[in-house]
Protein backbone atom coordinates (compact mmCIF):
# COMPACT_ATOMS: atom_id res chain seq x y z
CA MET A 1 43.07 105.88 15.91
CA PHE A 2 44.53 102.59 17.18
CA TYR A 3 45.84 102.19 20.69
CA VAL A 4 49.55 101.49 20.86
CA GLY A 5 51.92 101.63 23.75
CA LYS A 6 54.36 104.38 24.68
CA ASN A 7 57.21 102.15 23.58
CA ALA A 8 55.77 101.50 20.12
CA ALA A 9 58.35 103.74 18.47
CA LYS A 10 61.13 101.64 20.01
CA ALA A 11 59.70 98.33 18.80
CA GLU A 12 61.75 96.67 16.10
CA VAL A 13 60.04 95.46 12.97
CA THR A 14 61.88 92.71 11.17
CA LYS A 15 61.50 92.28 7.45
CA MET A 16 60.95 88.99 5.71
CA GLY A 17 64.23 87.31 4.97
CA GLU A 18 66.21 89.05 7.73
CA GLU A 19 65.89 86.12 10.09
CA SER A 20 68.67 83.61 9.67
CA GLY A 21 66.84 80.33 9.64
CA GLY A 22 68.00 77.24 7.94
CA LEU A 23 66.63 73.74 7.79
CA ARG A 24 67.90 73.02 11.30
CA GLU A 25 65.85 75.88 12.81
CA VAL A 26 62.75 74.77 10.91
CA ILE A 27 63.10 71.23 12.23
CA ILE A 28 63.64 72.50 15.78
CA ARG A 29 60.53 74.71 15.57
CA ALA A 30 58.48 71.82 14.17
CA GLY A 31 59.69 69.64 17.03
CA LYS A 32 58.71 72.26 19.59
CA VAL A 33 55.24 72.58 18.07
CA TRP A 34 54.88 68.80 18.12
CA LEU A 35 55.88 68.74 21.81
CA VAL A 36 53.33 71.42 22.69
CA VAL A 37 50.54 69.64 20.82
CA SER A 38 51.51 66.33 22.42
CA ALA A 39 51.52 67.92 25.87
CA LEU A 40 48.05 69.40 25.27
CA PHE A 41 46.78 66.00 24.12
CA LEU A 42 48.19 64.35 27.25
CA LEU A 43 46.75 67.09 29.45
CA GLY A 44 43.31 66.51 27.95
CA ALA A 45 43.66 62.76 28.46
CA GLY A 46 44.81 63.24 32.05
CA MET A 47 41.90 65.53 32.88
CA GLU A 48 39.38 63.22 31.19
CA VAL A 49 37.96 61.75 34.41
CA VAL A 50 37.37 65.15 35.99
CA VAL A 51 36.01 66.67 32.78
CA PHE A 52 33.61 63.79 32.10
CA LYS A 53 32.37 63.80 35.69
CA TYR A 54 31.99 67.51 36.48
CA PHE A 55 31.91 69.70 33.37
CA PRO A 56 28.71 68.23 31.86
CA MET A 57 26.91 69.33 35.05
CA PHE A 58 27.83 73.01 34.52
CA PRO A 59 25.04 75.08 32.94
CA GLU A 60 26.00 76.91 29.74
CA LEU A 61 25.55 80.34 31.29
CA ILE A 62 28.13 79.49 33.96
CA LEU A 63 30.67 78.22 31.41
CA VAL A 64 30.71 81.58 29.62
CA TRP A 65 31.76 83.44 32.76
CA VAL A 66 33.98 80.72 34.28
CA ASN A 67 36.07 80.73 31.11
CA MET A 68 37.09 84.32 31.78
CA VAL A 69 40.05 82.63 33.44
CA SER A 70 41.40 82.29 29.89
CA ALA A 71 42.41 85.94 30.17
CA ILE A 72 45.32 84.82 32.34
CA LEU A 73 45.77 81.23 31.09
CA ASP A 74 46.42 79.99 27.57
CA ASN A 75 43.30 79.14 25.55
CA ALA A 76 44.76 75.99 24.00
CA THR A 77 45.51 74.54 27.42
CA LEU A 78 42.04 75.29 28.74
CA THR A 79 40.35 73.94 25.63
CA ALA A 80 42.34 70.70 25.79
CA ALA A 81 41.52 70.28 29.47
CA GLU A 82 37.87 71.31 29.39
CA ILE A 83 36.06 70.26 26.21
CA SER A 84 34.73 66.70 26.15
CA PRO A 85 32.27 64.62 24.12
CA ALA A 86 30.15 64.27 27.28
CA MET A 87 29.20 67.96 27.01
CA SER A 88 26.20 69.14 25.00
CA GLN A 89 26.71 71.26 21.89
CA ARG A 90 25.34 74.31 23.76
CA GLN A 91 27.85 73.77 26.58
CA ILE A 92 30.72 73.45 24.12
CA ASN A 93 29.60 76.60 22.28
CA ALA A 94 29.31 78.56 25.53
CA ALA A 95 32.73 77.37 26.71
CA LEU A 96 34.39 78.17 23.37
CA TYR A 97 32.83 81.62 23.13
CA GLY A 98 33.91 82.36 26.71
CA LEU A 99 37.45 81.22 25.90
CA LEU A 100 37.52 83.12 22.61
CA ILE A 101 36.34 86.45 23.98
CA SER A 102 38.17 86.35 27.30
CA GLY A 103 41.45 85.22 25.74
CA GLY A 104 41.96 88.71 24.32
CA MET A 105 41.40 90.57 27.57
CA LEU A 106 44.97 90.27 28.86
CA ILE A 107 48.32 89.57 27.22
CA PRO A 108 48.83 86.01 28.60
CA GLY A 109 45.46 84.82 27.23
CA ASN A 110 46.79 83.97 23.77
CA ILE A 111 50.17 83.47 22.15
CA PRO A 112 49.33 86.09 19.45
CA ASN A 113 48.65 88.59 22.25
CA ILE A 114 52.14 88.01 23.64
CA ILE A 115 53.77 88.36 20.22
CA SER A 116 51.86 91.48 19.17
CA ALA A 117 52.34 93.20 22.53
CA GLY A 118 56.06 92.53 22.33
CA LYS A 119 56.35 93.77 18.75
CA LEU A 120 54.25 96.89 19.40
CA GLY A 121 55.79 97.68 22.78
CA ILE A 122 52.48 97.49 24.65
CA THR A 123 52.72 96.88 28.40
CA SER A 124 50.36 94.61 30.34
CA GLY A 125 48.74 97.61 32.00
CA GLU A 126 48.12 99.37 28.70
CA TRP A 127 46.65 96.21 27.19
CA ALA A 128 44.39 95.65 30.22
CA LYS A 129 43.02 99.22 30.10
CA LEU A 130 41.52 98.46 26.70
CA GLY A 131 41.18 94.66 26.75
CA VAL A 132 39.33 94.10 30.04
CA PRO A 133 36.45 96.54 29.44
CA PHE A 134 36.17 95.45 25.80
CA GLY A 135 36.12 91.74 26.78
CA LEU A 136 33.54 92.31 29.52
CA VAL A 137 31.26 94.17 27.10
CA LEU A 138 31.63 91.46 24.42
CA ASN A 139 30.91 88.72 26.98
CA ALA A 140 27.84 90.62 28.18
CA ILE A 141 26.60 91.08 24.59
CA TYR A 142 27.08 87.37 23.87
CA PHE A 143 25.31 86.48 27.13
CA VAL A 144 22.31 88.67 26.25
CA ILE A 145 22.09 87.38 22.67
CA VAL A 146 22.27 83.70 23.65
CA PHE A 147 20.67 83.47 27.08
CA VAL A 148 18.21 86.38 27.09
CA LEU A 149 17.15 86.61 23.44
CA GLY A 150 17.54 82.87 22.81
CA ILE A 151 19.59 83.20 19.62
CA ASN A 152 22.16 80.42 19.71
CA PRO A 153 24.89 80.64 17.08
CA THR A 154 26.79 77.40 16.65
CA LEU A 155 30.45 76.93 15.97
CA GLY A 156 30.95 74.71 12.97
CA MET A 157 27.58 73.01 13.22
């Protein structure tokens, strides 16, 4: 019923409480998360000039398809670098939907993809066989709904 890799039987499943993690490990993880968030903030600030100058000129229908690059790059990085207050709400929606849908097409697109593929023993090729066609179809459906039928769902607005 669900697609899992050939190595799924070999994947280890850890139970809650088996990981040895004390206060030190929690503090280290929190520090790493803080560093990642800080780096994303600085990346967004560094790209501000380019984003404010060029991204508001991109039509929404282009942003949906350009953001398919999020299949191979991390969504958080792209979002921090791309989204700006100079963009219209429709542009932001199109960019976010493109990032959201395309991020699941390949394993590197999202951190949860990497974790779940590792835990389930799914290879990149196996993931791509299902993820790429599914992502292309979802992007096409979104494109038709928003740009052909004129129905524009908003994210949080």
